[in-house]
Amino acid sequence: MVWDVVRNLLAEEFSVDPDEITGETDFYEDLSADSLDMVELALACEEEFDIEIKDNRKNWSITTVGELVAFLESQIEK
């Protein structure tokens, strides 16, 4: 479930085909994201999954879709 939601959010945000997004897709290299894009993505994830993403260095080190999905799954389980 998390995977599908994230993939659809990314496809919409970055105007790409959802089928092109994999766990190894890099936000910066593959999707040309900048820091504002990442903040918007974090806000969209918070709203979609009803969680709070803390603003800390570890969370900002997430660079791939797979890392984001794993992080979100760990937050949802709490």
C-alpha atoms as a PDB file:
ATOM      1  CA  MET A   1       0.000   0.000   0.000  1.00  0.00           C
ATOM      2  CA  VAL A   2       2.703   2.520   0.954  1.00  0.00           C
ATOM      3  CA  TRP A   3       4.601   1.737  -2.237  1.00  0.00           C
ATOM      4  CA  ASP A   4       1.600   2.450  -4.471  1.00  0.00           C
ATOM      5  CA  VAL A   5       0.712   5.688  -2.705  1.00  0.00           C
ATOM      6  CA  VAL A   6       4.290   6.975  -2.835  1.00  0.00           C
ATOM      7  CA  ARG A   7       4.677   6.011  -6.465  1.00  0.00           C
ATOM      8  CA  ASN A   8       1.477   7.837  -7.389  1.00  0.00           C
ATOM      9  CA  LEU A   9       2.505  10.924  -5.390  1.00  0.00           C
ATOM     10  CA  LEU A  10       5.844  10.992  -7.175  1.00  0.00           C
ATOM     11  CA  ALA A  11       4.317  10.433 -10.598  1.00  0.00           C
ATOM     12  CA  GLU A  12       2.007  13.378 -10.051  1.00  0.00           C
ATOM     13  CA  GLU A  13       4.605  15.647  -8.444  1.00  0.00           C
ATOM     14  CA  PHE A  14       7.323  15.009 -11.024  1.00  0.00           C
ATOM     15  CA  SER A  15       5.142  14.313 -14.081  1.00  0.00           C
ATOM     16  CA  VAL A  16       6.557  10.856 -14.736  1.00  0.00           C
ATOM     17  CA  ASP A  17       4.983   7.507 -15.546  1.00  0.00           C
ATOM     18  CA  PRO A  18       4.468   5.566 -12.281  1.00  0.00           C
ATOM     19  CA  ASP A  19       5.867   2.452 -13.973  1.00  0.00           C
ATOM     20  CA  GLU A  20       9.224   4.218 -14.346  1.00  0.00           C
ATOM     21  CA  ILE A  21       9.579   4.621 -10.574  1.00  0.00           C
ATOM     22  CA  THR A  22      11.501   1.871  -8.779  1.00  0.00           C
ATOM     23  CA  GLY A  23      12.930   1.473  -5.323  1.00  0.00           C
ATOM     24  CA  GLU A  24      16.287   2.624  -6.695  1.00  0.00           C
ATOM     25  CA  THR A  25      14.879   5.806  -8.241  1.00  0.00           C
ATOM     26  CA  ASP A  26      16.941   8.684  -6.867  1.00  0.00           C
ATOM     27  CA  PHE A  27      15.021  11.853  -6.090  1.00  0.00           C
ATOM     28  CA  TYR A  28      17.865  14.146  -7.081  1.00  0.00           C
ATOM     29  CA  GLU A  29      19.522  12.315  -9.970  1.00  0.00           C
ATOM     30  CA  ASP A  30      16.523  10.626 -11.604  1.00  0.00           C
ATOM     31  CA  LEU A  31      13.682  13.031 -10.766  1.00  0.00           C
ATOM     32  CA  SER A  32      15.717  16.271 -10.621  1.00  0.00           C
ATOM     33  CA  ALA A  33      14.197  17.140  -7.247  1.00  0.00           C
ATOM     34  CA  ASP A  34      15.376  20.135  -5.293  1.00  0.00           C
ATOM     35  CA  SER A  35      14.992  20.921  -1.607  1.00  0.00           C
ATOM     36  CA  LEU A  36      11.587  22.550  -2.119  1.00  0.00           C
ATOM     37  CA  ASP A  37      10.337  19.450  -3.948  1.00  0.00           C
ATOM     38  CA  MET A  38      11.457  17.314  -1.012  1.00  0.00           C
ATOM     39  CA  VAL A  39       9.664  19.533   1.504  1.00  0.00           C
ATOM     40  CA  GLU A  40       6.487  19.358  -0.573  1.00  0.00           C
ATOM     41  CA  LEU A  41       6.843  15.581  -0.805  1.00  0.00           C
ATOM     42  CA  ALA A  42       7.307  15.323   2.969  1.00  0.00           C
ATOM     43  CA  LEU A  43       4.178  17.409   3.540  1.00  0.00           C
ATOM     44  CA  ALA A  44       2.198  15.277   1.082  1.00  0.00           C
ATOM     45  CA  CYS A  45       3.370  12.097   2.851  1.00  0.00           C
ATOM     46  CA  GLU A  46       2.455  13.519   6.244  1.00  0.00           C
ATOM     47  CA  GLU A  47      -1.034  14.291   5.017  1.00  0.00           C
ATOM     48  CA  GLU A  48      -1.512  11.027   3.128  1.00  0.00           C
ATOM     49  CA  PHE A  49      -0.309   8.757   5.941  1.00  0.00           C
ATOM     50  CA  ASP A  50      -1.384  10.927   8.904  1.00  0.00           C
ATOM     51  CA  ILE A  51       2.118  11.022  10.380  1.00  0.00           C
ATOM     52  CA  GLU A  52       4.603  13.701  11.406  1.00  0.00           C
ATOM     53  CA  ILE A  53       8.005  13.666   9.751  1.00  0.00           C
ATOM     54  CA  LYS A  54      10.519  15.218  12.091  1.00  0.00           C
ATOM     55  CA  ASP A  55      12.975  17.700  10.635  1.00  0.00           C
ATOM     56  CA  ASN A  56      16.263  16.001  11.386  1.00  0.00           C
ATOM     57  CA  ARG A  57      19.432  15.163   9.497  1.00  0.00           C
ATOM     58  CA  LYS A  58      18.635  11.433   9.250  1.00  0.00           C
ATOM     59  CA  ASN A  59      15.319  12.048   7.529  1.00  0.00           C
ATOM     60  CA  TRP A  60      16.913  14.480   5.070  1.00  0.00           C
ATOM     61  CA  SER A  61      19.477  11.835   4.079  1.00  0.00           C
ATOM     62  CA  ILE A  62      16.780   9.835   2.276  1.00  0.00           C
ATOM     63  CA  THR A  63      17.648   9.889  -1.419  1.00  0.00           C
ATOM     64  CA  THR A  64      15.810   6.977  -3.028  1.00  0.00           C
ATOM     65  CA  VAL A  65      12.198   5.938  -3.281  1.00  0.00           C
ATOM     66  CA  GLY A  66      12.973   2.645  -1.538  1.00  0.00           C
ATOM     67  CA  GLU A  67      14.464   4.485   1.433  1.00  0.00           C
ATOM     68  CA  LEU A  68      11.402   6.711   1.646  1.00  0.00           C
ATOM     69  CA  VAL A  69       9.001   3.766   1.533  1.00  0.00           C
ATOM     70  CA  ALA A  70      10.943   1.938   4.267  1.00  0.00           C
ATOM     71  CA  PHE A  71      10.965   5.079   6.401  1.00  0.00           C
ATOM     72  CA  LEU A  72       7.227   5.636   5.958  1.00  0.00           C
ATOM     73  CA  GLU A  73       6.444   2.013   6.776  1.00  0.00           C
ATOM     74  CA  SER A  74       8.458   2.315   9.987  1.00  0.00           C
ATOM     75  CA  GLN A  75       6.556   5.474  10.953  1.00  0.00           C
ATOM     76  CA  ILE A  76       3.137   3.993  10.211  1.00  0.00           C
ATOM     77  CA  GLU A  77       3.854   0.968  12.417  1.00  0.00           C
ATOM     78  CA  LYS A  78       4.398   3.193  15.463  1.00  0.00           C
END
